[in-house]
Amino acid sequence: MASKWGRSGAQVNGSSQELPTYDPWGVVNAVMFKLAADGFKPRLSSDTIGEAKEAASALLMALGVLPVVPDYAAEDAVAEAAKR
């Protein structure tokens, strides 16, 4: 089932093995909110934002989760069409 945050059932290299998926930006967002709540002032610049996504993706892969960035534009289009 697809959701904004992830889905289960992604196949790896055409095998029957299925891994859960998750958006690495969700990890970056959660970490930034946690740091801010603890009094830190996290900042990402245009130079470091790609590094944050790569680190989050590596963390997800280490946990056995396939990092997948959802196509939010497609989700928005489907939601808009459902309203009609």
N, C-alpha and C. Protein backbone atom coordinates (compact mmCIF):
# COMPACT_ATOMS: atom_id res chain seq x y z
N MET A 1 0.84 -1.18 0.00
CA MET A 1 0.00 0.00 0.00
C MET A 1 0.88 1.24 0.00
N ALA A 2 0.66 2.13 -0.92
CA ALA A 2 1.46 3.35 -1.01
C ALA A 2 0.95 4.38 -0.02
N SER A 3 1.87 5.15 0.51
CA SER A 3 1.52 6.26 1.37
C SER A 3 2.51 7.37 1.12
N LYS A 4 2.32 8.49 1.78
CA LYS A 4 3.24 9.61 1.62
C LYS A 4 4.62 9.24 2.13
N TRP A 5 4.71 8.37 3.11
CA TRP A 5 5.99 8.07 3.75
C TRP A 5 6.68 6.85 3.19
N GLY A 6 5.98 5.90 2.69
CA GLY A 6 6.64 4.71 2.17
C GLY A 6 5.62 3.65 1.82
N ARG A 7 6.13 2.53 1.38
CA ARG A 7 5.24 1.42 1.05
C ARG A 7 6.03 0.13 1.25
N SER A 8 5.34 -0.95 1.35
CA SER A 8 6.04 -2.23 1.45
C SER A 8 5.88 -2.95 0.13
N GLY A 9 6.76 -3.89 -0.10
CA GLY A 9 6.63 -4.71 -1.26
C GLY A 9 7.50 -4.33 -2.44
N ALA A 10 8.49 -3.48 -2.29
CA ALA A 10 9.38 -3.16 -3.40
C ALA A 10 10.29 -4.35 -3.67
N GLN A 11 10.39 -4.76 -4.92
CA GLN A 11 11.25 -5.89 -5.26
C GLN A 11 12.67 -5.39 -5.51
N VAL A 12 13.63 -6.20 -5.13
CA VAL A 12 15.04 -5.86 -5.28
C VAL A 12 15.64 -6.68 -6.41
N ASN A 13 16.15 -6.00 -7.42
CA ASN A 13 16.82 -6.64 -8.56
C ASN A 13 15.98 -7.75 -9.19
N GLY A 14 14.67 -7.55 -9.26
CA GLY A 14 13.79 -8.51 -9.91
C GLY A 14 13.58 -9.80 -9.13
N SER A 15 14.13 -9.90 -7.93
CA SER A 15 13.96 -11.12 -7.14
C SER A 15 12.61 -11.11 -6.44
N SER A 16 12.30 -12.21 -5.80
CA SER A 16 11.04 -12.27 -5.07
C SER A 16 11.16 -11.65 -3.68
N GLN A 17 12.39 -11.25 -3.30
CA GLN A 17 12.59 -10.62 -1.99
C GLN A 17 11.97 -9.23 -2.01
N GLU A 18 11.19 -8.93 -1.00
CA GLU A 18 10.55 -7.64 -0.91
C GLU A 18 11.09 -6.89 0.30
N LEU A 19 11.39 -5.61 0.10
CA LEU A 19 11.86 -4.76 1.18
C LEU A 19 10.89 -3.63 1.41
N PRO A 20 10.76 -3.19 2.64
CA PRO A 20 9.95 -1.98 2.87
C PRO A 20 10.69 -0.78 2.28
N THR A 21 9.95 0.25 1.95
CA THR A 21 10.56 1.47 1.40
C THR A 21 10.20 2.65 2.28
N TYR A 22 11.03 3.69 2.20
CA TYR A 22 10.77 4.90 2.97
C TYR A 22 11.47 6.07 2.30
N ASP A 23 10.91 7.23 2.42
CA ASP A 23 11.46 8.45 1.84
C ASP A 23 12.62 8.96 2.70
N PRO A 24 13.85 9.04 2.17
CA PRO A 24 14.97 9.52 2.98
C PRO A 24 14.78 10.96 3.48
N TRP A 25 13.99 11.75 2.76
CA TRP A 25 13.74 13.12 3.23
C TRP A 25 12.92 13.11 4.52
N GLY A 26 12.12 12.09 4.73
CA GLY A 26 11.39 11.95 5.99
C GLY A 26 12.34 11.76 7.16
N VAL A 27 13.44 11.04 6.94
CA VAL A 27 14.46 10.85 7.98
C VAL A 27 15.15 12.18 8.27
N VAL A 28 15.53 12.90 7.20
CA VAL A 28 16.19 14.20 7.38
C VAL A 28 15.27 15.14 8.16
N ASN A 29 14.00 15.17 7.80
CA ASN A 29 13.02 16.03 8.46
C ASN A 29 12.90 15.67 9.94
N ALA A 30 12.79 14.39 10.25
CA ALA A 30 12.65 13.96 11.65
C ALA A 30 13.87 14.33 12.48
N VAL A 31 15.06 14.14 11.91
CA VAL A 31 16.30 14.48 12.62
C VAL A 31 16.38 15.98 12.86
N MET A 32 16.04 16.78 11.86
CA MET A 32 16.10 18.24 12.02
C MET A 32 15.13 18.71 13.11
N PHE A 33 13.91 18.17 13.13
CA PHE A 33 12.95 18.55 14.16
C PHE A 33 13.43 18.14 15.55
N LYS A 34 14.03 16.95 15.66
CA LYS A 34 14.53 16.49 16.95
C LYS A 34 15.67 17.39 17.44
N LEU A 35 16.59 17.72 16.56
CA LEU A 35 17.69 18.61 16.93
C LEU A 35 17.17 19.97 17.38
N ALA A 36 16.20 20.51 16.65
CA ALA A 36 15.62 21.81 17.02
C ALA A 36 14.91 21.73 18.36
N ALA A 37 14.20 20.63 18.61
CA ALA A 37 13.50 20.47 19.88
C ALA A 37 14.47 20.38 21.06
N ASP A 38 15.68 19.88 20.79
CA ASP A 38 16.70 19.77 21.83
C ASP A 38 17.56 21.03 21.96
N GLY A 39 17.18 22.09 21.25
CA GLY A 39 17.85 23.37 21.40
C GLY A 39 18.96 23.65 20.39
N PHE A 40 19.19 22.72 19.48
CA PHE A 40 20.20 22.96 18.44
C PHE A 40 19.56 23.77 17.32
N LYS A 41 20.37 24.41 16.53
CA LYS A 41 19.87 25.17 15.39
C LYS A 41 20.43 24.56 14.11
N PRO A 42 19.82 23.44 13.68
CA PRO A 42 20.35 22.76 12.49
C PRO A 42 20.10 23.61 11.24
N ARG A 43 21.08 23.62 10.38
CA ARG A 43 20.95 24.36 9.12
C ARG A 43 21.53 23.51 7.99
N LEU A 44 20.83 23.49 6.90
CA LEU A 44 21.32 22.84 5.70
C LEU A 44 21.46 23.90 4.62
N SER A 45 22.61 23.94 3.99
CA SER A 45 22.81 24.86 2.88
C SER A 45 22.64 24.10 1.58
N SER A 46 22.65 24.82 0.48
CA SER A 46 22.53 24.15 -0.82
C SER A 46 23.71 23.23 -1.06
N ASP A 47 24.83 23.47 -0.38
CA ASP A 47 26.00 22.62 -0.53
C ASP A 47 25.90 21.33 0.27
N THR A 48 25.17 21.34 1.38
CA THR A 48 25.13 20.18 2.27
C THR A 48 23.83 19.39 2.22
N ILE A 49 22.82 19.91 1.55
CA ILE A 49 21.53 19.21 1.56
C ILE A 49 21.61 17.85 0.87
N GLY A 50 22.41 17.75 -0.17
CA GLY A 50 22.58 16.46 -0.84
C GLY A 50 23.27 15.44 0.06
N GLU A 51 24.21 15.92 0.88
CA GLU A 51 24.90 15.03 1.81
C GLU A 51 23.93 14.48 2.85
N ALA A 52 22.98 15.30 3.28
CA ALA A 52 21.99 14.85 4.26
C ALA A 52 21.13 13.72 3.67
N LYS A 53 20.71 13.87 2.43
CA LYS A 53 19.90 12.83 1.78
C LYS A 53 20.71 11.55 1.62
N GLU A 54 21.99 11.67 1.22
CA GLU A 54 22.84 10.50 1.06
C GLU A 54 23.02 9.77 2.39
N ALA A 55 23.24 10.52 3.46
CA ALA A 55 23.42 9.91 4.78
C ALA A 55 22.13 9.21 5.23
N ALA A 56 20.99 9.86 5.00
CA ALA A 56 19.71 9.26 5.37
C ALA A 56 19.45 7.99 4.56
N SER A 57 19.79 8.03 3.28
CA SER A 57 19.62 6.85 2.42
C SER A 57 20.51 5.70 2.90
N ALA A 58 21.75 6.02 3.28
CA ALA A 58 22.66 4.99 3.78
C ALA A 58 22.14 4.38 5.08
N LEU A 59 21.59 5.21 5.94
CA LEU A 59 21.01 4.72 7.19
C LEU A 59 19.85 3.77 6.90
N LEU A 60 18.97 4.17 6.01
CA LEU A 60 17.83 3.32 5.67
C LEU A 60 18.30 1.98 5.10
N MET A 61 19.28 2.02 4.20
CA MET A 61 19.79 0.77 3.62
C MET A 61 20.42 -0.12 4.68
N ALA A 62 21.12 0.48 5.65
CA ALA A 62 21.71 -0.31 6.74
C ALA A 62 20.64 -0.98 7.58
N LEU A 63 19.47 -0.38 7.64
CA LEU A 63 18.35 -0.93 8.41
C LEU A 63 17.50 -1.90 7.57
N GLY A 64 17.90 -2.12 6.32
CA GLY A 64 17.15 -3.02 5.46
C GLY A 64 15.93 -2.40 4.83
N VAL A 65 15.94 -1.09 4.69
CA VAL A 65 14.82 -0.36 4.10
C VAL A 65 15.32 0.29 2.82
N LEU A 66 14.56 0.14 1.75
CA LEU A 66 14.93 0.70 0.46
C LEU A 66 14.55 2.18 0.41
N PRO A 67 15.53 3.09 0.25
CA PRO A 67 15.19 4.51 0.17
C PRO A 67 14.56 4.84 -1.18
N VAL A 68 13.36 5.40 -1.15
CA VAL A 68 12.64 5.77 -2.36
C VAL A 68 12.02 7.14 -2.15
N VAL A 69 12.31 8.05 -3.07
CA VAL A 69 11.70 9.38 -2.99
C VAL A 69 10.40 9.33 -3.77
N PRO A 70 9.28 9.54 -3.08
CA PRO A 70 7.98 9.48 -3.76
C PRO A 70 7.81 10.63 -4.75
N ASP A 71 6.97 10.41 -5.74
CA ASP A 71 6.64 11.44 -6.71
C ASP A 71 5.40 12.19 -6.18
N TYR A 72 5.65 13.24 -5.40
CA TYR A 72 4.55 13.97 -4.78
C TYR A 72 3.65 14.64 -5.81
N ALA A 73 4.21 15.06 -6.94
CA ALA A 73 3.40 15.70 -7.97
C ALA A 73 2.35 14.72 -8.50
N ALA A 74 2.74 13.47 -8.69
CA ALA A 74 1.80 12.46 -9.17
C ALA A 74 0.72 12.19 -8.12
N GLU A 75 1.12 12.12 -6.85
CA GLU A 75 0.15 11.91 -5.77
C GLU A 75 -0.85 13.06 -5.71
N ASP A 76 -0.36 14.29 -5.88
CA ASP A 76 -1.23 15.47 -5.85
C ASP A 76 -2.21 15.44 -7.02
N ALA A 77 -1.75 15.02 -8.20
CA ALA A 77 -2.60 14.94 -9.37
C ALA A 77 -3.71 13.92 -9.17
N VAL A 78 -3.37 12.78 -8.58
CA VAL A 78 -4.37 11.73 -8.32
C VAL A 78 -5.39 12.25 -7.30
N ALA A 79 -4.93 12.91 -6.25
CA ALA A 79 -5.84 13.44 -5.24
C ALA A 79 -6.76 14.50 -5.83
N GLU A 80 -6.22 15.34 -6.71
CA GLU A 80 -7.02 16.38 -7.35
C GLU A 80 -8.07 15.77 -8.28
N ALA A 81 -7.69 14.72 -9.01
CA ALA A 81 -8.63 14.06 -9.91
C ALA A 81 -9.73 13.36 -9.12
N ALA A 82 -9.42 12.86 -7.94
CA ALA A 82 -10.42 12.17 -7.11
C ALA A 82 -11.46 13.14 -6.57
N LYS A 83 -11.10 14.40 -6.43
CA LYS A 83 -12.03 15.42 -5.91
C LYS A 83 -13.10 15.77 -6.94
N ARG A 84 -12.80 15.54 -8.21
CA ARG A 84 -13.74 15.96 -9.27
C ARG A 84 -14.91 15.06 -9.39
